[in-house]
């Protein structure tokens, strides 16, 4: 057992998967959960997701030695302000948001000095959401990035690291700005491109809706899977990671123009060389154990 009492604020995919993974590993004495929505809380009670479900976040954090903020990035500052007076001395507060610099700026000013703030980001997920969507294996062999704030005792970071490793994750550390740039490349911009491609298909009136659905090849199917992700979460991600996202989108636009020019001029060699290089990157991802050729990998158990 690593923590005596863990409080999960927000009960979506990540929090529910954490609850299952913590139970699987026997990593906490008690798991407390809460959510803004009464419907979500009722579902969590029905499926016995946590040891106890509270009506408010302030109730949930009382006596907890680990508090995990699993709410959209745009809501974290308000939640931190709400729970701050009720946090136990020496407890650790972490989060699972896809952006780190904005989360630190929103949350850290509200937390008392007696609390350790260690932002985090598990690089795992599916297109599903809600308390029923979680499963214990979500974090297995996935990376979790920790971004300890200035003055955080190393032992507090090590303790949180052990929790994530106990849930099956690999753990790394980096500073907030670098995290946001890396994620703009690996997650945020790919999601934006997926949303855009699905939107283009919807707007292209020469292709009917029935044809888009009926003849979807693997590439478009994957775009639609990504674009099915929680719109509130992704709205907040882009609004809170503007600089890095816009930088990478600028680079993407330059690359896209170069490919357009190669197609227009019939430069097959440039296209071949470009696709060969990017294919090698895909092989590297598979060799690193972060994906496999199996088409449904990482999408969770069949429902």
Protein backbone atom coordinates (compact mmCIF):
# COMPACT_ATOMS: atom_id res chain seq x y z
CA UNK A 1 0.00 0.00 0.00
CA UNK A 2 1.44 3.37 -1.07
CA UNK A 3 -1.29 5.81 0.02
CA UNK A 4 -3.76 5.43 2.83
CA UNK A 5 -6.57 7.43 1.21
CA UNK A 6 -6.80 8.54 -2.43
CA UNK A 7 -9.40 11.13 -3.50
CA UNK A 8 -10.42 11.21 -7.16
CA UNK A 9 -12.04 14.50 -8.19
CA UNK A 10 -13.96 13.81 -11.40
CA UNK A 11 -14.93 10.27 -12.42
CA UNK A 12 -14.31 9.94 -16.15
CA UNK A 13 -12.14 7.48 -18.09
CA UNK A 14 -8.83 8.27 -16.36
CA UNK A 15 -10.20 8.42 -12.80
CA UNK A 16 -12.26 5.25 -13.20
CA UNK A 17 -9.27 3.43 -14.70
CA UNK A 18 -7.13 4.65 -11.80
CA UNK A 19 -9.67 3.26 -9.34
CA UNK A 20 -9.57 -0.16 -11.03
CA UNK A 21 -5.77 -0.15 -11.33
CA UNK A 22 -5.25 0.94 -7.70
CA UNK A 23 -7.52 -1.86 -6.52
CA UNK A 24 -5.80 -4.37 -8.79
CA UNK A 25 -2.43 -3.49 -7.27
CA UNK A 26 -3.60 -3.00 -3.67
CA UNK A 27 -2.01 0.45 -3.79
CA UNK A 28 -4.33 2.36 -1.45
CA UNK A 29 -6.26 1.67 1.74
CA UNK A 30 -9.33 3.60 0.59
CA UNK A 31 -10.49 5.27 -2.63
CA UNK A 32 -12.88 8.23 -2.38
CA UNK A 33 -14.53 9.65 -5.47
CA UNK A 34 -16.71 12.58 -6.39
CA UNK A 35 -18.07 14.34 -9.49
CA UNK A 36 -20.08 17.48 -10.20
CA UNK A 37 -22.87 15.53 -11.88
CA UNK A 38 -25.30 13.67 -9.62
CA UNK A 39 -25.88 11.21 -12.47
CA UNK A 40 -22.16 10.42 -12.62
CA UNK A 41 -22.01 9.95 -8.86
CA UNK A 42 -24.99 7.60 -8.99
CA UNK A 43 -23.42 5.48 -11.73
CA UNK A 44 -20.18 5.30 -9.73
CA UNK A 45 -22.11 4.05 -6.71
CA UNK A 46 -24.03 1.56 -8.83
CA UNK A 47 -20.86 -0.04 -10.24
CA UNK A 48 -19.01 0.18 -6.89
CA UNK A 49 -16.23 2.19 -8.51
CA UNK A 50 -14.87 3.61 -5.23
CA UNK A 51 -15.06 2.70 -1.57
CA UNK A 52 -17.06 5.87 -1.00
CA UNK A 53 -18.66 8.52 -3.23
CA UNK A 54 -19.14 11.98 -1.75
CA UNK A 55 -21.44 14.78 -2.85
CA UNK A 56 -18.70 17.42 -2.92
CA UNK A 57 -14.98 17.71 -3.58
CA UNK A 58 -14.41 19.25 -0.16
CA UNK A 59 -15.80 16.11 1.49
CA UNK A 60 -13.73 13.86 -0.77
CA UNK A 61 -10.35 15.40 0.07
CA UNK A 62 -10.73 15.36 3.85
CA UNK A 63 -8.10 13.06 5.31
CA UNK A 64 -6.68 12.13 1.90
CA UNK A 65 -2.93 11.80 1.47
CA UNK A 66 -3.31 11.89 -2.33
CA UNK A 67 -5.76 14.07 -4.26
CA UNK A 68 -6.05 13.58 -8.02
CA UNK A 69 -7.69 16.31 -10.12
CA UNK A 70 -9.40 14.49 -13.00
CA UNK A 71 -11.52 17.40 -14.26
CA UNK A 72 -11.13 19.34 -17.53
CA UNK A 73 -8.12 21.67 -17.60
CA UNK A 74 -10.35 24.74 -17.61
CA UNK A 75 -12.00 23.70 -14.34
CA UNK A 76 -8.89 22.86 -12.33
CA UNK A 77 -8.27 26.32 -10.88
CA UNK A 78 -11.78 26.58 -9.46
CA UNK A 79 -11.58 23.06 -7.99
CA UNK A 80 -8.20 23.82 -6.40
CA UNK A 81 -9.61 26.96 -4.80
CA UNK A 82 -12.59 25.00 -3.49
CA UNK A 83 -10.60 22.17 -1.88
CA UNK A 84 -7.56 24.14 -0.66
CA UNK A 85 -8.84 24.88 2.90
CA UNK A 86 -9.73 21.21 3.40
CA UNK A 87 -6.45 19.56 2.36
CA UNK A 88 -4.48 17.65 4.97
CA UNK A 89 -0.99 18.76 5.86
CA UNK A 90 1.63 16.84 3.86
CA UNK A 91 -0.80 15.49 1.28
CA UNK A 92 0.08 15.38 -2.41
CA UNK A 93 -2.09 16.99 -5.07
CA UNK A 94 -1.66 15.83 -8.67
CA UNK A 95 -3.67 16.03 -11.87
CA UNK A 96 -4.11 14.12 -15.13
CA UNK A 97 -4.49 17.07 -17.53
CA UNK A 98 -3.05 17.11 -21.06
CA UNK A 99 -1.52 20.57 -20.51
CA UNK A 100 0.88 21.38 -17.71
CA UNK A 101 2.00 25.03 -17.80
CA UNK A 102 -1.58 26.36 -17.67
CA UNK A 103 -2.55 23.87 -14.96
CA UNK A 104 0.35 24.96 -12.76
CA UNK A 105 -0.58 28.62 -13.24
CA UNK A 106 -4.23 27.89 -12.39
CA UNK A 107 -3.78 25.50 -9.47
CA UNK A 108 -0.54 26.32 -7.64
CA UNK A 109 -1.56 29.78 -6.32
CA UNK A 110 -4.49 28.26 -4.42
CA UNK A 111 -2.63 25.46 -2.65
CA UNK A 112 -1.23 25.95 0.86
CA UNK A 113 2.49 25.50 1.50
CA UNK A 114 1.82 22.39 3.57
CA UNK A 115 0.72 20.54 0.39
CA UNK A 116 2.96 19.00 -2.30
CA UNK A 117 1.82 19.78 -5.86
CA UNK A 118 3.09 17.33 -8.50
CA UNK A 119 1.29 17.79 -11.83
CA UNK A 120 1.08 14.68 -13.97
CA UNK A 121 -0.16 13.43 -17.32
CA UNK A 122 -0.87 9.76 -18.11
CA UNK A 123 -0.42 9.30 -21.87
CA UNK A 124 -3.26 6.82 -22.16
CA UNK A 125 -6.86 6.98 -23.21
CA UNK A 126 -9.64 5.87 -25.48
CA UNK A 127 -12.45 7.75 -27.19
CA UNK A 128 -14.83 6.69 -24.39
CA UNK A 129 -15.69 8.74 -21.31
CA UNK A 130 -17.61 8.44 -18.06
CA UNK A 131 -17.28 6.17 -15.00
CA UNK A 132 -18.24 3.01 -16.90
CA UNK A 133 -15.43 3.48 -19.44
CA UNK A 134 -12.47 2.73 -17.16
CA UNK A 135 -10.47 -0.49 -17.03
CA UNK A 136 -7.43 -1.47 -14.95
CA UNK A 137 -5.18 -2.20 -17.94
CA UNK A 138 -5.40 1.30 -19.44
CA UNK A 139 -2.00 2.39 -18.06
CA UNK A 140 -0.09 -0.85 -18.65
CA UNK A 141 3.18 -0.02 -20.45
CA UNK A 142 1.96 3.52 -21.09
CA UNK A 143 3.96 6.59 -20.05
CA UNK A 144 3.02 8.96 -17.27
CA UNK A 145 4.87 12.27 -17.16
CA UNK A 146 5.38 13.98 -13.80
CA UNK A 147 6.17 17.70 -13.56
CA UNK A 148 7.10 18.41 -9.92
CA UNK A 149 6.79 22.06 -8.94
CA UNK A 150 9.65 24.00 -7.35
CA UNK A 151 10.34 22.94 -3.78
CA UNK A 152 8.62 19.56 -4.00
CA UNK A 153 10.45 17.06 -1.76
CA UNK A 154 11.99 14.20 -3.81
CA UNK A 155 10.35 11.64 -1.52
CA UNK A 156 6.88 12.96 -2.43
CA UNK A 157 7.67 12.61 -6.14
CA UNK A 158 9.11 9.12 -5.59
CA UNK A 159 5.96 8.06 -3.76
CA UNK A 160 3.73 9.23 -6.63
CA UNK A 161 6.06 7.57 -9.12
CA UNK A 162 5.65 4.26 -7.27
CA UNK A 163 1.87 4.59 -7.44
CA UNK A 164 1.91 5.01 -11.21
CA UNK A 165 4.41 2.19 -11.63
CA UNK A 166 2.14 0.05 -9.45
CA UNK A 167 -0.69 0.84 -11.90
CA UNK A 168 1.46 -0.52 -14.72
CA UNK A 169 2.81 2.76 -16.15
CA UNK A 170 6.30 3.85 -17.11
CA UNK A 171 7.17 7.19 -15.48
CA UNK A 172 9.28 10.09 -16.72
CA UNK A 173 9.83 13.69 -15.60
CA UNK A 174 10.13 16.91 -17.59
CA UNK A 175 9.48 20.61 -17.21
CA UNK A 176 6.07 22.04 -18.03
CA UNK A 177 6.98 23.98 -21.19
CA UNK A 178 8.76 21.01 -22.76
CA UNK A 179 5.84 18.73 -21.88
CA UNK A 180 3.40 21.05 -23.63
CA UNK A 181 5.56 21.18 -26.77
CA UNK A 182 5.99 17.39 -26.88
CA UNK A 183 2.25 16.83 -26.45
CA UNK A 184 1.43 19.41 -29.11
CA UNK A 185 3.35 17.15 -31.53
CA UNK A 186 2.22 13.74 -30.30
CA UNK A 187 -1.38 14.40 -29.27
CA UNK A 188 -2.88 17.86 -29.53
CA UNK A 189 -2.24 18.64 -33.20
CA UNK A 190 -3.11 15.10 -34.37
CA UNK A 191 -6.47 15.49 -32.62
CA UNK A 192 -7.04 18.87 -34.23
CA UNK A 193 -6.21 17.43 -37.65
CA UNK A 194 -8.60 14.53 -37.04
CA UNK A 195 -11.42 16.91 -36.10
CA UNK A 196 -10.65 18.94 -39.23
CA UNK A 197 -10.61 15.94 -41.59
CA UNK A 198 -13.93 14.69 -40.28
CA UNK A 199 -15.30 18.21 -40.68
CA UNK A 200 -14.04 18.35 -44.28
CA UNK A 201 -15.83 15.09 -45.09
CA UNK A 202 -19.00 16.50 -43.59
CA UNK A 203 -18.71 19.72 -45.62
CA UNK A 204 -17.86 18.05 -48.93
CA UNK A 205 -21.34 17.84 -50.38
CA UNK A 206 -20.22 15.80 -53.40
CA UNK A 207 -19.65 12.91 -50.97
CA UNK A 208 -22.85 11.92 -49.22
CA UNK A 209 -23.05 11.03 -45.53
CA UNK A 210 -24.00 7.48 -46.41
CA UNK A 211 -20.90 7.11 -48.62
CA UNK A 212 -18.61 8.48 -45.89
CA UNK A 213 -20.00 5.91 -43.45
CA UNK A 214 -20.24 3.00 -45.90
CA UNK A 215 -16.85 3.35 -47.57
CA UNK A 216 -14.70 4.50 -44.65
CA UNK A 217 -11.22 3.07 -45.05
CA UNK A 218 -8.94 2.51 -42.07
CA UNK A 219 -7.45 6.02 -42.15
CA UNK A 220 -10.78 7.79 -41.97
CA UNK A 221 -12.07 5.31 -39.37
CA UNK A 222 -9.14 6.24 -37.13
CA UNK A 223 -9.79 9.95 -37.70
CA UNK A 224 -13.42 9.51 -36.62
CA UNK A 225 -12.34 7.49 -33.57
CA UNK A 226 -10.01 10.28 -32.44
CA UNK A 227 -12.60 12.95 -33.24
CA UNK A 228 -15.10 11.18 -30.97
CA UNK A 229 -13.09 12.26 -27.90
CA UNK A 230 -14.59 14.46 -25.18
CA UNK A 231 -15.21 17.93 -26.70
CA UNK A 232 -14.98 19.76 -23.35
CA UNK A 233 -11.56 18.31 -22.63
CA UNK A 234 -10.19 19.13 -26.08
CA UNK A 235 -11.62 22.64 -26.11
CA UNK A 236 -9.74 23.31 -22.87
CA UNK A 237 -6.54 21.68 -24.16
CA UNK A 238 -6.32 23.99 -27.17
CA UNK A 239 -7.27 27.12 -25.24
CA UNK A 240 -4.61 26.34 -22.62
CA UNK A 241 -1.78 25.22 -24.90
CA UNK A 242 -1.99 27.94 -27.54
CA UNK A 243 1.71 28.69 -28.05
CA UNK A 244 2.95 25.14 -28.58
CA UNK A 245 -0.08 24.11 -30.64
CA UNK A 246 0.20 27.11 -32.96
CA UNK A 247 3.95 26.54 -33.38
CA UNK A 248 3.43 22.91 -34.42
CA UNK A 249 0.47 23.78 -36.66
CA UNK A 250 2.73 26.30 -38.43
CA UNK A 251 5.31 23.58 -39.04
CA UNK A 252 2.56 21.22 -40.19
CA UNK A 253 1.30 23.80 -42.68
CA UNK A 254 4.81 24.18 -44.13
CA UNK A 255 5.13 20.41 -44.57
CA UNK A 256 1.66 20.22 -46.12
CA UNK A 257 2.53 22.94 -48.66
CA UNK A 258 5.72 21.03 -49.59
CA UNK A 259 3.71 17.85 -50.20
CA UNK A 260 1.13 19.78 -52.22
CA UNK A 261 3.93 21.13 -54.40
CA UNK A 262 5.41 17.62 -54.87
CA UNK A 263 2.02 16.25 -55.96
CA UNK A 264 1.38 19.21 -58.27
CA UNK A 265 4.79 18.91 -59.96
CA UNK A 266 4.76 15.11 -60.09
CA UNK A 267 7.82 14.76 -57.83
CA UNK A 268 7.40 11.08 -56.98
CA UNK A 269 10.88 10.78 -55.47
CA UNK A 270 10.16 13.44 -52.84
CA UNK A 271 6.88 11.75 -51.93
CA UNK A 272 8.56 8.33 -51.71
CA UNK A 273 11.41 9.63 -49.56
CA UNK A 274 9.02 11.48 -47.26
CA UNK A 275 6.74 8.46 -46.78
CA UNK A 276 9.75 6.18 -46.20
CA UNK A 277 11.00 8.46 -43.42
CA UNK A 278 7.62 8.70 -41.70
CA UNK A 279 7.10 4.95 -41.99
CA UNK A 280 10.33 4.44 -40.05
CA UNK A 281 8.96 6.63 -37.25
CA UNK A 282 5.86 4.40 -37.09
CA UNK A 283 8.07 1.31 -36.83
CA UNK A 284 9.94 2.98 -33.97
CA UNK A 285 6.68 3.49 -32.06
CA UNK A 286 5.82 -0.20 -32.43
CA UNK A 287 9.34 -1.31 -31.44
CA UNK A 288 9.11 0.89 -28.32
CA UNK A 289 6.03 -1.09 -27.26
CA UNK A 290 3.68 1.90 -27.54
CA UNK A 291 1.53 0.27 -30.22
CA UNK A 292 1.22 -2.89 -32.24
CA UNK A 293 -0.01 -3.77 -35.70
CA UNK A 294 -3.22 -5.14 -34.16
CA UNK A 295 -5.90 -2.70 -35.36
CA UNK A 296 -7.85 -2.48 -32.10
CA UNK A 297 -4.89 -2.10 -29.76
CA UNK A 298 -5.37 0.38 -26.92
CA UNK A 299 -9.10 0.88 -27.51
CA UNK A 300 -10.14 -0.98 -24.40
CA UNK A 301 -12.11 -4.18 -23.94
CA UNK A 302 -14.99 -4.76 -26.31
CA UNK A 303 -18.25 -3.46 -24.97
